[in-house]
C-alpha atoms as a PDB file:
ATOM      1  CA  MET A   1      11.805  18.265  11.424  1.00  0.00           C
ATOM      2  CA  THR A   2      13.287  15.022  13.062  1.00  0.00           C
ATOM      3  CA  GLU A   3      14.933  12.936  10.482  1.00  0.00           C
ATOM      4  CA  CYS A   4      13.734  10.057   9.095  1.00  0.00           C
ATOM      5  CA  ARG A   5      14.538   6.937  12.001  1.00  0.00           C
ATOM      6  CA  ALA A   6      13.427   4.670   8.305  1.00  0.00           C
ATOM      7  CA  ASP A   7      15.604   1.984   9.824  1.00  0.00           C
ATOM      8  CA  LYS A   8      12.994   1.320  13.084  1.00  0.00           C
ATOM      9  CA  ASN A   9       9.991   2.116  10.074  1.00  0.00           C
ATOM     10  CA  LEU A  10      11.200  -0.888   8.306  1.00  0.00           C
ATOM     11  CA  ALA A  11      10.576  -3.051  11.429  1.00  0.00           C
ATOM     12  CA  ARG A  12       6.890  -3.144  10.982  1.00  0.00           C
ATOM     13  CA  CYS A  13       6.146  -1.893   8.046  1.00  0.00           C
ATOM     14  CA  ASN A  14       3.844  -4.987   6.766  1.00  0.00           C
ATOM     15  CA  CYS A  15       4.179  -3.765   3.190  1.00  0.00           C
ATOM     16  CA  SER A  16       3.758  -6.839   1.397  1.00  0.00           C
ATOM     17  CA  TYR A  17       4.774  -5.216  -1.761  1.00  0.00           C
ATOM     18  CA  GLU A  18       9.218  -5.837  -2.163  1.00  0.00           C
ATOM     19  CA  PRO A  19       9.551  -2.733  -5.356  1.00  0.00           C
ATOM     20  CA  CYS A  20       8.055  -0.670  -3.459  1.00  0.00           C
ATOM     21  CA  SER A  21      10.914   2.764  -2.739  1.00  0.00           C
ATOM     22  CA  ARG A  22       8.344   4.289  -0.050  1.00  0.00           C
ATOM     23  CA  LYS A  23       9.423   0.815   2.496  1.00  0.00           C
ATOM     24  CA  GLY A  24      10.056   2.887   5.971  1.00  0.00           C
ATOM     25  CA  LEU A  25       9.898   6.816   4.741  1.00  0.00           C
ATOM     26  CA  CYS A  26       6.527   6.472   5.919  1.00  0.00           C
ATOM     27  CA  CYS A  27       5.708  10.113   4.819  1.00  0.00           C
ATOM     28  CA  GLU A  28       6.181   9.109   1.770  1.00  0.00           C
ATOM     29  CA  CYS A  29       3.973   6.126   1.743  1.00  0.00           C
ATOM     30  CA  LEU A  30       1.124   8.205   2.949  1.00  0.00           C
ATOM     31  CA  HIS A  31       1.373  11.141   0.218  1.00  0.00           C
ATOM     32  CA  TYR A  32       1.738   8.311  -2.344  1.00  0.00           C
ATOM     33  CA  HIS A  33      -0.908   6.768  -0.733  1.00  0.00           C
ATOM     34  CA  TRP A  34      -3.209   9.175   0.242  1.00  0.00           C
ATOM     35  CA  SER A  35      -2.915  11.512  -3.391  1.00  0.00           C
ATOM     36  CA  ARG A  36      -3.988   7.740  -5.089  1.00  0.00           C
ATOM     37  CA  ARG A  37      -7.783   8.400  -1.957  1.00  0.00           C
ATOM     38  CA  GLU A  38      -6.068   4.827  -0.251  1.00  0.00           C
ATOM     39  CA  LEU A  39      -3.632   3.659   3.062  1.00  0.00           C
ATOM     40  CA  PRO A  40      -0.939   2.587   3.734  1.00  0.00           C
ATOM     41  CA  ALA A  41      -0.155  -1.603   4.529  1.00  0.00           C
ATOM     42  CA  CYS A  42       0.144  -0.481   8.781  1.00  0.00           C
ATOM     43  CA  PHE A  43      -3.444   0.512   8.647  1.00  0.00           C
ATOM     44  CA  PHE A  44      -4.168  -3.004   7.160  1.00  0.00           C
ATOM     45  CA  PRO A  45      -4.658  -6.324   9.041  1.00  0.00           C
ATOM     46  CA  GLU A  46      -2.003  -8.179   7.342  1.00  0.00           C
ATOM     47  CA  ALA A  47      -4.154 -10.985   5.656  1.00  0.00           C
ATOM     48  CA  VAL A  48      -6.410  -8.143   4.139  1.00  0.00           C
ATOM     49  CA  GLU A  49      -2.939  -5.864   3.513  1.00  0.00           C
ATOM     50  CA  ARG A  50      -2.143  -8.526   1.343  1.00  0.00           C
ATOM     51  CA  SER A  51      -5.254  -7.521  -1.294  1.00  0.00           C
ATOM     52  CA  TYR A  52      -3.334  -5.001  -2.652  1.00  0.00           C
ATOM     53  CA  ASP A  53      -6.777  -3.389  -1.707  1.00  0.00           C
ATOM     54  CA  ARG A  54      -5.985   0.100   0.426  1.00  0.00           C
ATOM     55  CA  SER A  55      -9.515   1.983  -0.720  1.00  0.00           C
ATOM     56  CA  LEU A  56     -11.448   3.779   1.795  1.00  0.00           C
ATOM     57  CA  LYS A  57     -13.811   1.571   1.856  1.00  0.00           C
ATOM     58  CA  ARG A  58     -12.311  -1.726   2.637  1.00  0.00           C
ATOM     59  CA  PHE A  59     -10.644   0.451   5.527  1.00  0.00           C
ATOM     60  CA  LEU A  60     -14.277   1.055   6.807  1.00  0.00           C
ATOM     61  CA  ALA A  61     -15.384  -2.142   6.296  1.00  0.00           C
ATOM     62  CA  VAL A  62     -12.419  -4.035   7.966  1.00  0.00           C
ATOM     63  CA  HIS A  63     -12.552  -1.722  11.083  1.00  0.00           C
ATOM     64  CA  LYS A  64     -16.434  -1.490  11.477  1.00  0.00           C
ATOM     65  CA  ASP A  65     -17.762  -3.203  14.062  1.00  0.00           C
ATOM     66  CA  LYS A  66     -13.857  -2.849  16.399  1.00  0.00           C
ATOM     67  CA  ALA A  67     -14.810   1.387  18.560  1.00  0.00           C
END
Protein backbone atom coordinates (compact mmCIF):
# COMPACT_ATOMS: atom_id res chain seq x y z
CA MET A 1 0.00 0.00 0.00
CA THR A 2 1.29 3.47 -0.81
CA GLU A 3 1.73 6.22 1.73
CA CYS A 4 -0.96 8.85 2.07
CA ARG A 5 0.00 12.13 0.44
CA ALA A 6 -1.84 14.34 2.90
CA ASP A 7 0.22 17.39 1.99
CA LYS A 8 -0.80 17.15 -1.69
CA ASN A 9 -4.38 16.21 -0.80
CA LEU A 10 -4.75 19.32 1.37
CA ALA A 11 -4.02 21.52 -1.63
CA ARG A 12 -7.10 20.07 -3.38
CA CYS A 13 -9.40 19.71 -0.37
CA ASN A 14 -12.38 22.07 -0.50
CA CYS A 15 -13.82 21.06 2.87
CA SER A 16 -14.87 24.19 4.73
CA TYR A 17 -15.31 22.44 8.09
CA GLU A 18 -12.22 23.78 9.85
CA PRO A 19 -11.93 21.48 12.87
CA CYS A 20 -12.01 18.39 10.61
CA SER A 21 -9.34 15.90 11.67
CA ARG A 22 -9.59 14.03 8.33
CA LYS A 23 -8.49 16.87 6.01
CA GLY A 24 -5.93 15.54 3.56
CA LEU A 25 -6.58 11.95 4.63
CA CYS A 26 -8.88 10.97 1.79
CA CYS A 27 -9.28 7.32 2.75
CA GLU A 28 -10.39 8.28 6.27
CA CYS A 29 -12.67 11.00 4.94
CA LEU A 30 -14.34 8.64 2.46
CA HIS A 31 -14.82 5.98 5.13
CA TYR A 32 -16.31 8.47 7.60
CA HIS A 33 -18.76 10.02 5.16
CA TRP A 34 -19.79 6.76 3.53
CA SER A 35 -20.58 5.28 6.96
CA ARG A 36 -23.06 8.16 7.32
CA ARG A 37 -24.43 7.61 3.76
CA GLU A 38 -22.80 10.85 2.61
CA LEU A 39 -20.05 11.88 0.22
CA PRO A 40 -17.05 14.08 1.07
CA ALA A 41 -16.81 17.78 0.23
CA CYS A 42 -14.68 17.14 -2.85
CA PHE A 43 -17.71 15.62 -4.61
CA PHE A 44 -19.57 18.95 -4.47
CA PRO A 45 -19.09 22.43 -5.92
CA GLU A 46 -17.84 24.86 -3.28
CA ALA A 47 -21.15 26.75 -2.95
CA VAL A 48 -23.02 23.51 -2.27
CA GLU A 49 -20.30 22.14 0.02
CA ARG A 50 -20.68 25.11 2.37
CA SER A 51 -24.24 24.00 3.15
CA TYR A 52 -22.79 20.82 4.75
CA ASP A 53 -25.53 18.81 3.03
CA ARG A 54 -23.35 15.96 1.81
CA SER A 55 -26.22 13.54 1.28
CA LEU A 56 -26.49 11.26 -1.72
CA LYS A 57 -29.78 12.96 -2.57
CA ARG A 58 -28.05 16.34 -2.75
CA PHE A 59 -25.21 14.89 -4.85
CA LEU A 60 -27.67 13.47 -7.37
CA ALA A 61 -29.61 16.74 -7.51
CA VAL A 62 -26.44 18.72 -8.18
CA HIS A 63 -25.08 16.38 -10.83
CA LYS A 64 -28.23 15.04 -12.52
CA ASP A 65 -27.92 17.20 -15.65
CA LYS A 66 -24.15 16.83 -16.07
CA ALA A 67 -24.09 13.38 -17.64
